[in-house]
Every structure is written in C-alpha cells, then in structure tokens.
Amino acid sequence: MFLRPPRSRPAVEEAHGDAASPLLTPEESDDLRALLDEVDAAALAVYALHDLPSAPGHYRQAPDSGAWEHLGGALSPAEKWDLLNQHPINHGWRYASLERLGARSTIPDVRYASGLLAACQGLRLRLDTHMALSSQDLADAIRLGAAWRRLTEGVRSRSDLTFTAPDES
C-alpha cells in the first residue's frame, strides 16, 4: 500500500483556508473529545490497578515513598520553581503531571497507559486552542485508537481469567 507523505502546513492552509480555523465541525470535535475521554478512562483504569492517582494535575513524590501527593490542577512556573527549591529533585523528590506519572514505571502496562494519556492530552490541546488539525494529528489519532484497542482488549482478557483451587486428588 502506498502512503503519501504528510502535506506541509502551507498545503493544508491552501486546501482548508486559514490555518487557525479548525478543520473539524463542532460536532466532530465533540465526537473526538468523547473518544479521547474513553481512551483516558481506559488508561486511568490501568493507573488505578497499580494504585496511581487519577485526578488531573501535578504531583510530587517524597523520597522513599510510593505515594504521589496531588499539588493542584495547574501550577504556575513560579510555583513549580518554589517547590523545586523547597524539595530538590537531587534529594530524591520526584515531580510529574498525571500523564507522566507512569512514564518511568517498571510495569509495561503503566508505561503504555502513561503514553496514551500524554497522546490524548496533546490532541486535546490542539482542539482547545482551535488549531487546525494536521495530517500528523490524524495519524496520531489513528495510532492512539489502535493502542487503546490493544490496551482494552488486554485488560479484558486478563480480567476474564478465573482461578480455581488445585485438585487435591
């Protein structure tokens, strides 16, 4: 199958008018947001299975602690620097947004879920800022859908497992 390379931004502008205008109608945008919510929910279910938080925002983890402390939905750059000065990273403190909490996990499903959350966040940002979606965004959305399917099918197959006591005969 032959795939054409992505068109450049000027080609997109010529084909669709102003680059700042969205290529999706409001209804299509709402449909995409609903699908992104489904992907988020599946990824957050993986987080929940591994005792990670699910509230959007920023988190910190104290040295020698497995628990993440929620710092709030949106921190200004000045607030972030204040936190780093109070509890430096080089003293064992870790900081992350919800999407990045699982990025360094030793558990592959958690890393996978983290990647899905980050991809959803990127597409939502494009929609929220009313930027024209590019062919790359469409390709990312297709890959995200395939990744979501793999994740939900994997969770479903693992949750369908049943265990029985060994036969003592």
Protein backbone atom coordinates (compact mmCIF):
# COMPACT_ATOMS: atom_id res chain seq x y z
CA MET A 1 0.00 0.00 0.00
CA PHE A 2 1.39 3.40 -0.96
CA LEU A 3 1.09 6.23 1.55
CA ARG A 4 1.66 9.82 0.64
CA PRO A 5 3.93 11.84 2.92
CA PRO A 6 2.16 14.37 5.15
CA ARG A 7 1.37 17.65 3.45
CA SER A 8 3.22 20.73 4.59
CA ARG A 9 1.43 23.44 6.59
CA PRO A 10 1.10 25.75 3.51
CA ALA A 11 -0.57 22.92 1.56
CA VAL A 12 -3.01 22.43 4.45
CA GLU A 13 -3.73 26.17 4.51
CA GLU A 14 -4.40 26.21 0.75
CA ALA A 15 -6.73 23.25 0.98
CA HIS A 16 -8.63 24.38 4.06
CA GLY A 17 -8.28 28.13 4.32
CA ASP A 18 -6.96 29.87 7.44
CA ALA A 19 -4.56 27.63 9.40
CA ALA A 20 -6.02 28.92 12.69
CA SER A 21 -9.52 27.69 11.86
CA PRO A 22 -10.32 24.15 12.97
CA LEU A 23 -10.80 21.52 10.29
CA LEU A 24 -13.46 19.82 12.39
CA THR A 25 -17.04 20.96 12.86
CA PRO A 26 -18.14 21.44 16.49
CA GLU A 27 -20.00 18.11 16.34
CA GLU A 28 -16.94 16.29 15.00
CA SER A 29 -14.81 17.95 17.67
CA ASP A 30 -17.25 16.77 20.36
CA ASP A 31 -17.11 13.23 18.93
CA LEU A 32 -13.32 13.28 19.06
CA ARG A 33 -13.36 14.60 22.64
CA ALA A 34 -15.74 11.79 23.65
CA LEU A 35 -13.37 9.20 22.14
CA LEU A 36 -10.41 10.81 23.90
CA ASP A 37 -12.37 10.56 27.16
CA GLU A 38 -12.82 6.81 26.55
CA VAL A 39 -9.09 6.35 25.94
CA ASP A 40 -8.33 8.36 29.09
CA ALA A 41 -10.74 6.23 31.12
CA ALA A 42 -9.07 3.00 29.95
CA ALA A 43 -5.60 4.37 30.74
CA LEU A 44 -6.71 5.64 34.15
CA ALA A 45 -8.17 2.20 34.91
CA VAL A 46 -4.65 0.82 34.45
CA TYR A 47 -3.33 3.52 36.77
CA ALA A 48 -5.98 2.54 39.35
CA LEU A 49 -4.98 -1.15 39.13
CA HIS A 50 -1.48 -0.09 40.16
CA ASP A 51 -2.51 2.40 42.87
CA LEU A 52 -1.64 5.52 40.90
CA PRO A 53 -3.77 8.67 41.17
CA SER A 54 -6.36 9.63 38.58
CA ALA A 55 -7.06 13.33 39.20
CA PRO A 56 -5.66 15.71 36.58
CA GLY A 57 -2.88 17.98 37.70
CA HIS A 58 0.61 17.98 39.12
CA TYR A 59 2.06 15.61 41.70
CA ARG A 60 5.15 15.12 43.84
CA GLN A 61 6.60 12.06 45.49
CA ALA A 62 8.75 12.27 48.61
CA PRO A 63 11.99 10.30 48.83
CA ASP A 64 11.46 6.66 49.87
CA SER A 65 7.69 6.99 49.35
CA GLY A 66 5.50 5.20 46.85
CA ALA A 67 2.62 7.68 47.24
CA TRP A 68 2.10 10.63 44.94
CA GLU A 69 0.80 13.85 46.54
CA HIS A 70 -1.58 15.95 44.43
CA LEU A 71 -0.33 19.53 44.16
CA GLY A 72 -3.19 21.02 42.18
CA GLY A 73 -4.66 21.25 38.71
CA ALA A 74 -2.44 23.99 37.35
CA LEU A 75 0.78 25.34 38.80
CA SER A 76 2.43 28.49 37.55
CA PRO A 77 6.10 28.34 36.59
CA ALA A 78 6.93 30.35 39.74
CA GLU A 79 5.06 27.83 41.91
CA LYS A 80 6.95 24.97 40.27
CA TRP A 81 10.30 26.65 40.95
CA ASP A 82 9.32 27.29 44.58
CA LEU A 83 8.55 23.59 45.01
CA LEU A 84 11.84 22.58 43.42
CA ASN A 85 13.72 24.95 45.72
CA GLN A 86 11.92 23.58 48.81
CA HIS A 87 12.28 19.92 47.84
CA PRO A 88 15.00 19.46 45.19
CA ILE A 89 14.92 16.56 42.76
CA ASN A 90 18.55 15.70 43.56
CA HIS A 91 17.43 14.91 47.13
CA GLY A 92 15.05 12.18 45.97
CA TRP A 93 11.92 14.22 45.31
CA ARG A 94 10.03 13.48 42.08
CA TYR A 95 7.54 15.69 40.25
CA ALA A 96 5.18 14.79 37.41
CA SER A 97 1.90 15.61 35.78
CA LEU A 98 -0.80 12.94 35.80
CA GLU A 99 0.12 11.95 32.25
CA ARG A 100 3.78 11.42 33.18
CA LEU A 101 3.32 9.57 36.49
CA GLY A 102 3.64 6.17 34.87
CA ALA A 103 6.25 7.02 32.26
CA ARG A 104 9.16 5.57 34.28
CA SER A 105 7.27 2.64 35.79
CA THR A 106 8.78 -0.81 35.73
CA ILE A 107 5.33 -2.12 34.70
CA PRO A 108 4.83 -2.08 30.90
CA ASP A 109 1.04 -1.54 31.11
CA VAL A 110 1.57 1.54 33.28
CA ARG A 111 4.13 2.99 30.85
CA TYR A 112 1.71 2.25 28.00
CA ALA A 113 -1.16 3.98 29.85
CA SER A 114 1.07 6.98 30.51
CA GLY A 115 1.80 7.27 26.78
CA LEU A 116 -1.91 7.11 25.96
CA LEU A 117 -2.71 9.85 28.47
CA ALA A 118 0.03 12.05 27.02
CA ALA A 119 -1.19 11.49 23.44
CA CYS A 120 -4.76 12.36 24.44
CA GLN A 121 -3.53 15.49 26.18
CA GLY A 122 -1.68 16.59 23.04
CA LEU A 123 -4.72 16.14 20.79
CA ARG A 124 -6.96 17.91 23.32
CA LEU A 125 -4.55 20.83 23.43
CA ARG A 126 -4.81 21.19 19.66
CA LEU A 127 -8.61 21.11 19.86
CA ASP A 128 -8.77 23.51 22.82
CA THR A 129 -6.52 26.07 21.14
CA HIS A 130 -8.57 25.83 17.91
CA MET A 131 -5.51 24.96 15.90
CA ALA A 132 -6.08 23.24 12.60
CA LEU A 133 -5.53 19.52 12.91
CA SER A 134 -2.79 18.31 10.62
CA SER A 135 -2.40 15.02 8.84
CA GLN A 136 0.11 14.15 11.58
CA ASP A 137 -2.62 14.72 14.18
CA LEU A 138 -4.91 12.39 12.24
CA ALA A 139 -2.16 9.76 12.06
CA ASP A 140 -1.58 10.17 15.81
CA ALA A 141 -5.31 9.75 16.46
CA ILE A 142 -5.40 6.55 14.41
CA ARG A 143 -2.37 5.16 16.27
CA LEU A 144 -3.96 6.21 19.55
CA GLY A 145 -7.13 4.31 18.64
CA ALA A 146 -5.15 1.18 17.83
CA ALA A 147 -3.19 1.49 21.08
CA TRP A 148 -6.41 1.96 23.03
CA ARG A 149 -7.84 -1.20 21.46
CA ARG A 150 -4.75 -3.19 22.42
CA LEU A 151 -4.97 -1.85 25.97
CA THR A 152 -8.69 -2.53 26.45
CA GLU A 153 -8.51 -5.96 24.83
CA GLY A 154 -5.54 -6.82 27.05
CA VAL A 155 -7.32 -5.68 30.22
CA ARG A 156 -10.46 -7.56 29.20
CA SER A 157 -8.55 -10.78 28.53
CA ARG A 158 -6.70 -10.51 31.85
CA SER A 159 -9.92 -9.77 33.77
CA ASP A 160 -11.61 -12.82 32.21
CA LEU A 161 -9.10 -15.15 33.83
CA THR A 162 -10.53 -17.33 36.56
CA PHE A 163 -8.56 -19.22 39.12
CA THR A 164 -9.56 -22.48 40.77
CA ALA A 165 -8.01 -24.34 43.66
CA PRO A 166 -5.71 -27.19 42.63
CA ASP A 167 -7.23 -30.64 42.60
CA GLU A 168 -6.10 -32.42 45.76
CA SER A 169 -6.56 -35.97 44.45
